């Protein structure tokens, strides 16, 4: 009889031939602008730790104190044995930062999207999602059982056309989009999306994962950046990027949050966020509120590097993510290896994650001018 697992080797061979094969790269020390990779120091342009808080001593001390007080794990779901006062403190801190009525903390941003999308819509409903949405939004749409239609990336005319043709056929409609697109760096046209959602009686969900802590006058994200604070929409984000911890959140109306506590399966049936991660995220929000110079330094670095790379074909970006287009996966892999050999860690991103191969650069507030100059000279 045929071995039922034999197809795995064939599939891996196909992945290798396409230059799509992926493997982990071990970092050997605390997160930072310079890390140890493969036994040597490299300048880190691969991290989503935009404000450099993942290695901040204040977050570390908060996590240690919470572990000593509450243990290493939450021991159960929030509705059973897992809820701690720390969890509610974090939710109130997020709601304060986002200026929403309430918030709900999940164990990851991916789980926040899965649980929220699948709770809000079902088989009688419609989802219209940006073609470049994060995997978690796409998988949440599949899980929901709703009819799902992609609209072309940031194409408002295409979105409107598909709403005109389909909206009346369904009970509820949910429009989903990243606010900062994680593999490109551009922003969604949020004010226009809000207007279209209102016109077609649709809910609007935006994923603020790469905007929280980075965009807006206080670091509240794209909603604040576009002066849309107070508009009724569903904001999802992560605690694992600029906030330097782990977990995800949903922020919005008190009614929305109360509904998700009762219907979001990825919150109800998952062990609560650990005390250490929860306390670290609370500390990070306090740092973001008290130290706006970190965000200003990040944007100084972004603008400086853009100037240094102005002769290159960069994808349009209004965030801390800059991408350099390359023709093939092989070219991207070769360029990434050349950079590592020269002391720069900047990953190759290839299909099927993205439609075209590229080098993805993530800027941090803690990058020094010398780090940026080295990168520019090598690129």
Protein backbone atom coordinates (compact mmCIF):
# COMPACT_ATOMS: atom_id res chain seq x y z
CA UNK A 1 0.00 0.00 0.00
CA UNK A 2 1.09 3.59 -0.66
CA UNK A 3 2.51 5.45 2.32
CA UNK A 4 -0.12 8.14 3.11
CA UNK A 5 2.63 10.60 4.08
CA UNK A 6 4.79 10.21 0.97
CA UNK A 7 3.30 13.33 -0.63
CA UNK A 8 5.06 15.50 1.98
CA UNK A 9 8.53 14.91 0.48
CA UNK A 10 7.24 15.68 -3.00
CA UNK A 11 5.61 18.88 -1.80
CA UNK A 12 8.80 20.00 -0.03
CA UNK A 13 10.80 19.33 -3.20
CA UNK A 14 8.43 21.56 -5.13
CA UNK A 15 8.83 24.31 -2.53
CA UNK A 16 12.63 24.04 -2.80
CA UNK A 17 12.61 24.21 -6.61
CA UNK A 18 10.49 27.37 -6.53
CA UNK A 19 12.88 29.02 -4.02
CA UNK A 20 9.95 29.29 -1.61
CA UNK A 21 11.52 27.18 1.14
CA UNK A 22 11.57 28.78 4.59
CA UNK A 23 13.57 28.07 7.72
CA UNK A 24 14.07 29.81 11.05
CA UNK A 25 17.01 32.08 11.86
CA UNK A 26 18.05 31.97 15.51
CA UNK A 27 18.64 35.23 17.37
CA UNK A 28 20.99 34.67 20.28
CA UNK A 29 20.32 37.63 22.57
CA UNK A 30 17.76 40.24 23.63
CA UNK A 31 15.88 42.04 20.85
CA UNK A 32 17.48 45.24 19.65
CA UNK A 33 18.87 47.23 16.74
CA UNK A 34 21.92 44.94 16.75
CA UNK A 35 21.50 41.21 17.38
CA UNK A 36 23.61 38.09 17.12
CA UNK A 37 22.73 35.92 14.13
CA UNK A 38 24.66 32.82 13.07
CA UNK A 39 27.30 33.65 15.65
CA UNK A 40 28.02 37.23 14.55
CA UNK A 41 26.52 40.67 15.23
CA UNK A 42 24.24 42.09 12.55
CA UNK A 43 22.17 45.27 12.32
CA UNK A 44 18.57 44.15 12.61
CA UNK A 45 16.16 45.38 9.92
CA UNK A 46 13.91 42.31 10.25
CA UNK A 47 12.13 43.12 13.51
CA UNK A 48 8.65 44.56 14.11
CA UNK A 49 9.88 45.97 17.43
CA UNK A 50 9.41 49.47 16.05
CA UNK A 51 10.04 51.43 19.26
CA UNK A 52 12.69 49.07 20.65
CA UNK A 53 10.55 48.16 23.66
CA UNK A 54 10.90 44.35 23.52
CA UNK A 55 14.25 44.63 25.29
CA UNK A 56 13.35 47.66 27.43
CA UNK A 57 14.23 47.14 31.08
CA UNK A 58 10.92 48.59 32.28
CA UNK A 59 8.94 45.98 30.37
CA UNK A 60 11.26 43.24 31.60
CA UNK A 61 10.84 44.33 35.21
CA UNK A 62 7.05 44.51 34.84
CA UNK A 63 7.00 40.98 33.39
CA UNK A 64 9.23 39.62 36.18
CA UNK A 65 7.11 41.25 38.89
CA UNK A 66 3.90 39.87 37.38
CA UNK A 67 5.41 36.38 37.16
CA UNK A 68 6.45 36.48 40.81
CA UNK A 69 3.00 37.66 41.86
CA UNK A 70 0.81 35.55 39.55
CA UNK A 71 2.94 32.68 38.22
CA UNK A 72 4.04 31.78 34.73
CA UNK A 73 0.67 30.89 33.22
CA UNK A 74 -2.95 31.96 33.50
CA UNK A 75 -4.04 28.28 33.85
CA UNK A 76 -7.29 28.53 31.89
CA UNK A 77 -9.58 30.57 29.72
CA UNK A 78 -10.75 33.97 30.95
CA UNK A 79 -14.28 32.63 31.59
CA UNK A 80 -12.97 29.81 33.79
CA UNK A 81 -9.81 30.15 35.92
CA UNK A 82 -7.71 32.42 33.69
CA UNK A 83 -8.94 35.94 34.40
CA UNK A 84 -6.69 38.27 36.41
CA UNK A 85 -7.10 41.91 37.31
CA UNK A 86 -4.09 42.57 35.08
CA UNK A 87 -6.09 41.52 32.03
CA UNK A 88 -8.78 44.08 32.72
CA UNK A 89 -6.14 46.75 33.45
CA UNK A 90 -4.63 46.09 30.02
CA UNK A 91 -8.00 46.26 28.28
CA UNK A 92 -8.76 49.61 29.91
CA UNK A 93 -5.30 50.90 28.94
CA UNK A 94 -5.88 49.88 25.31
CA UNK A 95 -9.33 51.50 25.26
CA UNK A 96 -7.79 54.67 26.68
CA UNK A 97 -5.04 54.71 24.04
CA UNK A 98 -7.49 54.01 21.21
CA UNK A 99 -10.18 56.30 22.72
CA UNK A 100 -12.86 53.61 22.42
CA UNK A 101 -15.50 52.53 24.91
CA UNK A 102 -13.86 49.19 25.65
CA UNK A 103 -11.34 46.59 24.48
CA UNK A 104 -10.82 42.84 24.66
CA UNK A 105 -7.43 41.10 24.88
CA UNK A 106 -6.75 37.86 22.97
CA UNK A 107 -3.76 35.54 23.20
CA UNK A 108 -2.50 36.70 19.78
CA UNK A 109 -3.43 39.15 17.05
CA UNK A 110 -4.08 36.20 14.73
CA UNK A 111 -6.62 34.79 17.20
CA UNK A 112 -8.22 38.22 17.55
CA UNK A 113 -8.91 38.35 13.82
CA UNK A 114 -10.08 34.73 13.59
CA UNK A 115 -12.44 35.11 16.52
CA UNK A 116 -13.83 38.52 15.65
CA UNK A 117 -14.51 37.94 11.96
CA UNK A 118 -16.08 34.52 12.53
CA UNK A 119 -18.27 35.88 15.34
CA UNK A 120 -19.60 38.88 13.43
CA UNK A 121 -20.69 37.20 10.19
CA UNK A 122 -21.92 33.80 9.03
CA UNK A 123 -23.34 31.91 6.07
CA UNK A 124 -26.01 34.51 5.30
CA UNK A 125 -23.48 37.34 5.20
CA UNK A 126 -20.87 38.97 2.95
CA UNK A 127 -17.22 39.88 3.54
CA UNK A 128 -15.38 42.25 1.23
CA UNK A 129 -11.65 42.13 1.98
CA UNK A 130 -8.65 43.94 0.55
CA UNK A 131 -6.67 41.57 -1.68
CA UNK A 132 -3.50 42.25 0.36
CA UNK A 133 -5.08 41.60 3.76
CA UNK A 134 -3.13 39.67 6.37
CA UNK A 135 -3.53 35.88 6.44
CA UNK A 136 -5.47 36.06 9.71
CA UNK A 137 -8.22 38.17 8.12
CA UNK A 138 -8.43 35.82 5.14
CA UNK A 139 -8.54 32.72 7.35
CA UNK A 140 -11.13 34.34 9.62
CA UNK A 141 -13.30 34.96 6.57
CA UNK A 142 -13.09 31.30 5.55
CA UNK A 143 -13.85 30.18 9.10
CA UNK A 144 -16.94 32.39 9.27
CA UNK A 145 -18.66 30.62 6.37
CA UNK A 146 -19.65 33.98 4.87
CA UNK A 147 -19.43 34.67 1.15
CA UNK A 148 -16.04 36.29 0.69
CA UNK A 149 -15.06 38.58 -2.18
CA UNK A 150 -11.68 40.29 -2.49
CA UNK A 151 -11.48 43.82 -3.86
CA UNK A 152 -8.32 45.06 -5.57
CA UNK A 153 -5.73 46.51 -3.22
CA UNK A 154 -6.82 49.94 -1.93
CA UNK A 155 -9.12 50.27 -4.96
CA UNK A 156 -12.18 52.17 -3.76
CA UNK A 157 -13.88 52.02 -7.18
CA UNK A 158 -13.60 48.22 -7.21
CA UNK A 159 -14.92 48.00 -3.65
CA UNK A 160 -17.89 50.21 -4.51
CA UNK A 161 -18.63 48.22 -7.67
CA UNK A 162 -18.67 44.93 -5.75
CA UNK A 163 -20.86 46.39 -3.03
CA UNK A 164 -23.33 47.71 -5.60
CA UNK A 165 -23.55 44.26 -7.18
CA UNK A 166 -23.66 42.17 -4.01
CA UNK A 167 -24.63 44.05 -0.84
CA UNK A 168 -28.41 43.73 -1.24
CA UNK A 169 -28.12 39.94 -1.50
CA UNK A 170 -26.88 39.45 2.07
CA UNK A 171 -28.06 40.05 5.63
CA UNK A 172 -24.89 41.65 7.02
CA UNK A 173 -21.74 42.92 5.34
CA UNK A 174 -18.24 43.28 6.79
CA UNK A 175 -15.45 45.21 5.04
CA UNK A 176 -11.97 44.20 6.22
CA UNK A 177 -8.57 45.80 5.67
CA UNK A 178 -5.13 46.15 7.17
CA UNK A 179 -4.48 49.74 8.20
CA UNK A 180 -0.75 49.39 7.47
CA UNK A 181 -0.12 46.61 4.97
CA UNK A 182 2.60 44.52 6.56
CA UNK A 183 4.46 43.43 3.44
CA UNK A 184 4.22 46.71 1.55
CA UNK A 185 4.13 49.55 4.08
CA UNK A 186 1.30 51.55 2.54
CA UNK A 187 -1.87 52.64 4.35
CA UNK A 188 -5.52 51.95 3.70
CA UNK A 189 -7.67 54.97 2.62
CA UNK A 190 -9.52 54.94 5.94
CA UNK A 191 -11.75 58.03 5.69
CA UNK A 192 -13.08 56.89 2.32
CA UNK A 193 -13.61 53.35 3.60
CA UNK A 194 -15.63 54.68 6.53
CA UNK A 195 -17.82 56.71 4.15
CA UNK A 196 -18.41 53.70 1.87
CA UNK A 197 -19.19 51.44 4.84
CA UNK A 198 -21.78 53.94 6.08
CA UNK A 199 -23.32 54.31 2.61
CA UNK A 200 -23.76 50.55 2.19
CA UNK A 201 -24.79 49.79 5.80
CA UNK A 202 -21.65 47.70 6.31
CA UNK A 203 -19.43 47.06 9.29
CA UNK A 204 -15.77 48.03 8.90
CA UNK A 205 -12.87 46.18 10.53
CA UNK A 206 -9.30 47.45 10.34
CA UNK A 207 -6.20 45.61 11.53
CA UNK A 208 -3.92 48.12 13.28
CA UNK A 209 -1.11 45.61 13.97
CA UNK A 210 1.66 47.66 12.33
CA UNK A 211 0.15 51.07 13.17
CA UNK A 212 -0.34 50.81 16.94
CA UNK A 213 2.40 52.79 18.66
CA UNK A 214 3.73 54.09 15.35
CA UNK A 215 1.08 56.31 13.72
CA UNK A 216 -1.00 59.14 15.16
CA UNK A 217 -0.17 61.99 17.50
CA UNK A 218 -0.25 59.71 20.54
CA UNK A 219 0.62 56.43 18.80
CA UNK A 220 -3.00 55.23 18.72
CA UNK A 221 -2.66 54.12 15.09
CA UNK A 222 -4.15 54.84 11.67
CA UNK A 223 -7.53 55.83 13.08
CA UNK A 224 -5.88 58.70 14.93
CA UNK A 225 -3.54 59.45 12.00
CA UNK A 226 -6.55 60.04 9.74
CA UNK A 227 -8.49 61.99 12.43
CA UNK A 228 -11.17 59.29 12.54
CA UNK A 229 -11.16 58.79 16.31
CA UNK A 230 -14.70 58.26 17.58
CA UNK A 231 -16.02 56.78 14.35
CA UNK A 232 -17.87 53.50 14.81
CA UNK A 233 -15.66 50.71 13.52
CA UNK A 234 -13.85 47.59 14.72
CA UNK A 235 -10.17 48.05 15.53
CA UNK A 236 -7.94 45.02 15.89
CA UNK A 237 -4.25 45.03 16.75
CA UNK A 238 -1.36 43.23 18.32
CA UNK A 239 0.73 43.65 21.45
CA UNK A 240 3.73 41.94 19.84
CA UNK A 241 5.11 44.67 17.58
CA UNK A 242 5.57 48.25 18.79
CA UNK A 243 4.29 47.20 22.24
CA UNK A 244 7.08 44.64 22.58
CA UNK A 245 5.00 41.90 24.22
CA UNK A 246 2.58 39.21 23.01
CA UNK A 247 -1.15 39.05 22.39
CA UNK A 248 -3.85 40.81 20.42
CA UNK A 249 -6.79 43.10 21.06
CA UNK A 250 -10.11 44.31 19.71
CA UNK A 251 -11.17 47.87 20.51
CA UNK A 252 -14.58 49.37 19.86
CA UNK A 253 -17.99 49.95 21.39
CA UNK A 254 -18.95 48.42 24.71
CA UNK A 255 -21.68 46.45 22.93
CA UNK A 256 -19.21 44.99 20.43
CA UNK A 257 -16.82 43.90 23.18
CA UNK A 258 -19.62 42.39 25.27
CA UNK A 259 -20.82 40.45 22.22
CA UNK A 260 -17.32 39.11 21.48
CA UNK A 261 -16.89 37.91 25.07
CA UNK A 262 -19.90 35.70 24.42
CA UNK A 263 -19.32 34.67 20.80
CA UNK A 264 -15.60 34.84 19.85
CA UNK A 265 -14.51 31.20 20.05
CA UNK A 266 -10.79 32.04 19.89
CA UNK A 267 -11.22 34.08 23.10
CA UNK A 268 -13.68 31.81 24.91
CA UNK A 269 -11.78 28.55 24.40
CA UNK A 270 -8.16 29.77 24.67
CA UNK A 271 -5.98 30.08 27.77
CA UNK A 272 -5.70 33.71 28.84
CA UNK A 273 -2.60 35.75 28.11
CA UNK A 274 0.20 35.08 30.59
CA UNK A 275 0.70 37.51 33.49
CA UNK A 276 4.17 38.42 32.18
CA UNK A 277 2.96 39.32 28.69
CA UNK A 278 0.01 41.24 30.10
CA UNK A 279 2.11 43.32 32.47
CA UNK A 280 4.72 44.02 29.79
CA UNK A 281 2.04 45.34 27.44
CA UNK A 282 0.63 47.62 30.16
CA UNK A 283 4.13 48.99 30.75
CA UNK A 284 4.62 49.54 27.00
CA UNK A 285 1.42 51.57 26.67
CA UNK A 286 2.57 53.76 29.53
CA UNK A 287 5.93 54.31 27.80
CA UNK A 288 4.20 55.20 24.54
CA UNK A 289 2.05 57.78 26.32
CA UNK A 290 4.89 59.28 28.36
CA UNK A 291 7.72 59.21 25.81
CA UNK A 292 6.59 60.52 22.38
CA UNK A 293 10.25 61.13 21.49
CA UNK A 294 10.58 57.40 20.70
CA UNK A 295 7.98 57.72 17.95
CA UNK A 296 9.57 60.94 16.70
CA UNK A 297 12.97 59.23 16.51
CA UNK A 298 11.44 56.35 14.58
CA UNK A 299 9.99 58.74 12.00
CA UNK A 300 13.28 60.61 11.78
CA UNK A 301 14.95 57.30 10.90
CA UNK A 302 12.25 56.42 8.35
CA UNK A 303 12.51 59.74 6.53
CA UNK A 304 16.32 59.70 6.59
CA UNK A 305 16.55 56.20 5.09
CA UNK A 306 13.97 57.06 2.42
CA UNK A 307 16.19 59.95 1.35
CA UNK A 308 19.25 57.70 1.26
CA UNK A 309 17.42 55.14 -0.90
CA UNK A 310 15.62 57.63 -3.15
CA UNK A 311 17.29 56.26 -6.30
CA UNK A 312 15.91 52.75 -5.73
CA UNK A 313 12.54 51.24 -6.67
CA UNK A 314 10.85 51.28 -3.26
CA UNK A 315 7.25 50.22 -2.89
CA UNK A 316 5.04 53.17 -1.83
CA UNK A 317 5.16 53.39 1.97
CA UNK A 318 3.83 55.69 4.67
CA UNK A 319 5.01 53.57 7.59
CA UNK A 320 8.11 52.05 9.19
CA UNK A 321 8.11 49.26 6.56
CA UNK A 322 10.15 49.87 3.39
CA UNK A 323 10.36 47.28 0.61
CA UNK A 324 12.77 46.97 -2.31
CA UNK A 325 11.33 45.10 -5.28
CA UNK A 326 13.38 42.32 -6.90
CA UNK A 327 12.64 40.32 -10.03
CA UNK A 328 12.72 36.75 -8.71
CA UNK A 329 12.72 34.77 -5.44
CA UNK A 330 16.31 33.73 -6.21
CA UNK A 331 17.38 37.37 -6.55
CA UNK A 332 15.75 38.21 -3.21
CA UNK A 333 17.44 35.28 -1.47
CA UNK A 334 20.83 36.22 -2.94
CA UNK A 335 20.48 39.85 -1.89
CA UNK A 336 19.43 38.88 1.65
CA UNK A 337 22.47 36.60 1.94
CA UNK A 338 24.80 39.32 0.65
CA UNK A 339 23.44 41.67 3.29
CA UNK A 340 23.87 39.11 6.10
CA UNK A 341 27.47 38.52 4.98
CA UNK A 342 28.05 42.27 5.25
CA UNK A 343 26.41 42.60 8.69
CA UNK A 344 22.79 43.51 7.81
CA UNK A 345 19.78 41.31 8.63
CA UNK A 346 17.02 42.18 6.14
CA UNK A 347 14.79 39.28 5.07
CA UNK A 348 13.78 38.16 1.61
CA UNK A 349 9.98 38.01 1.29
CA UNK A 350 8.76 35.79 -1.55
CA UNK A 351 5.60 34.34 -3.02
CA UNK A 352 3.17 33.02 -1.97
CA UNK A 353 3.36 35.48 0.96
CA UNK A 354 3.53 38.39 -1.51
CA UNK A 355 2.87 38.67 -5.25
CA UNK A 356 6.43 39.85 -6.03
CA UNK A 357 9.75 39.14 -4.34
CA UNK A 358 11.36 41.84 -2.22
CA UNK A 359 13.70 42.78 0.59
CA UNK A 360 11.60 44.00 3.52
CA UNK A 361 13.13 46.60 5.84
CA UNK A 362 11.64 47.35 9.25
CA UNK A 363 12.86 50.55 10.87
CA UNK A 364 13.26 50.96 14.62
CA UNK A 365 13.55 54.01 16.85
CA UNK A 366 16.78 52.51 18.23
CA UNK A 367 18.59 52.33 14.88
CA UNK A 368 21.59 54.65 14.87
CA UNK A 369 22.58 56.88 11.93
CA UNK A 370 25.57 54.60 11.31
CA UNK A 371 23.22 51.62 10.95
CA UNK A 372 21.15 53.42 8.33
CA UNK A 373 24.23 54.60 6.44
CA UNK A 374 25.68 51.08 6.37
CA UNK A 375 22.41 49.69 5.00
CA UNK A 376 22.17 52.41 2.34
CA UNK A 377 25.75 51.85 1.17
CA UNK A 378 25.24 48.10 0.85
CA UNK A 379 21.87 48.30 -0.88
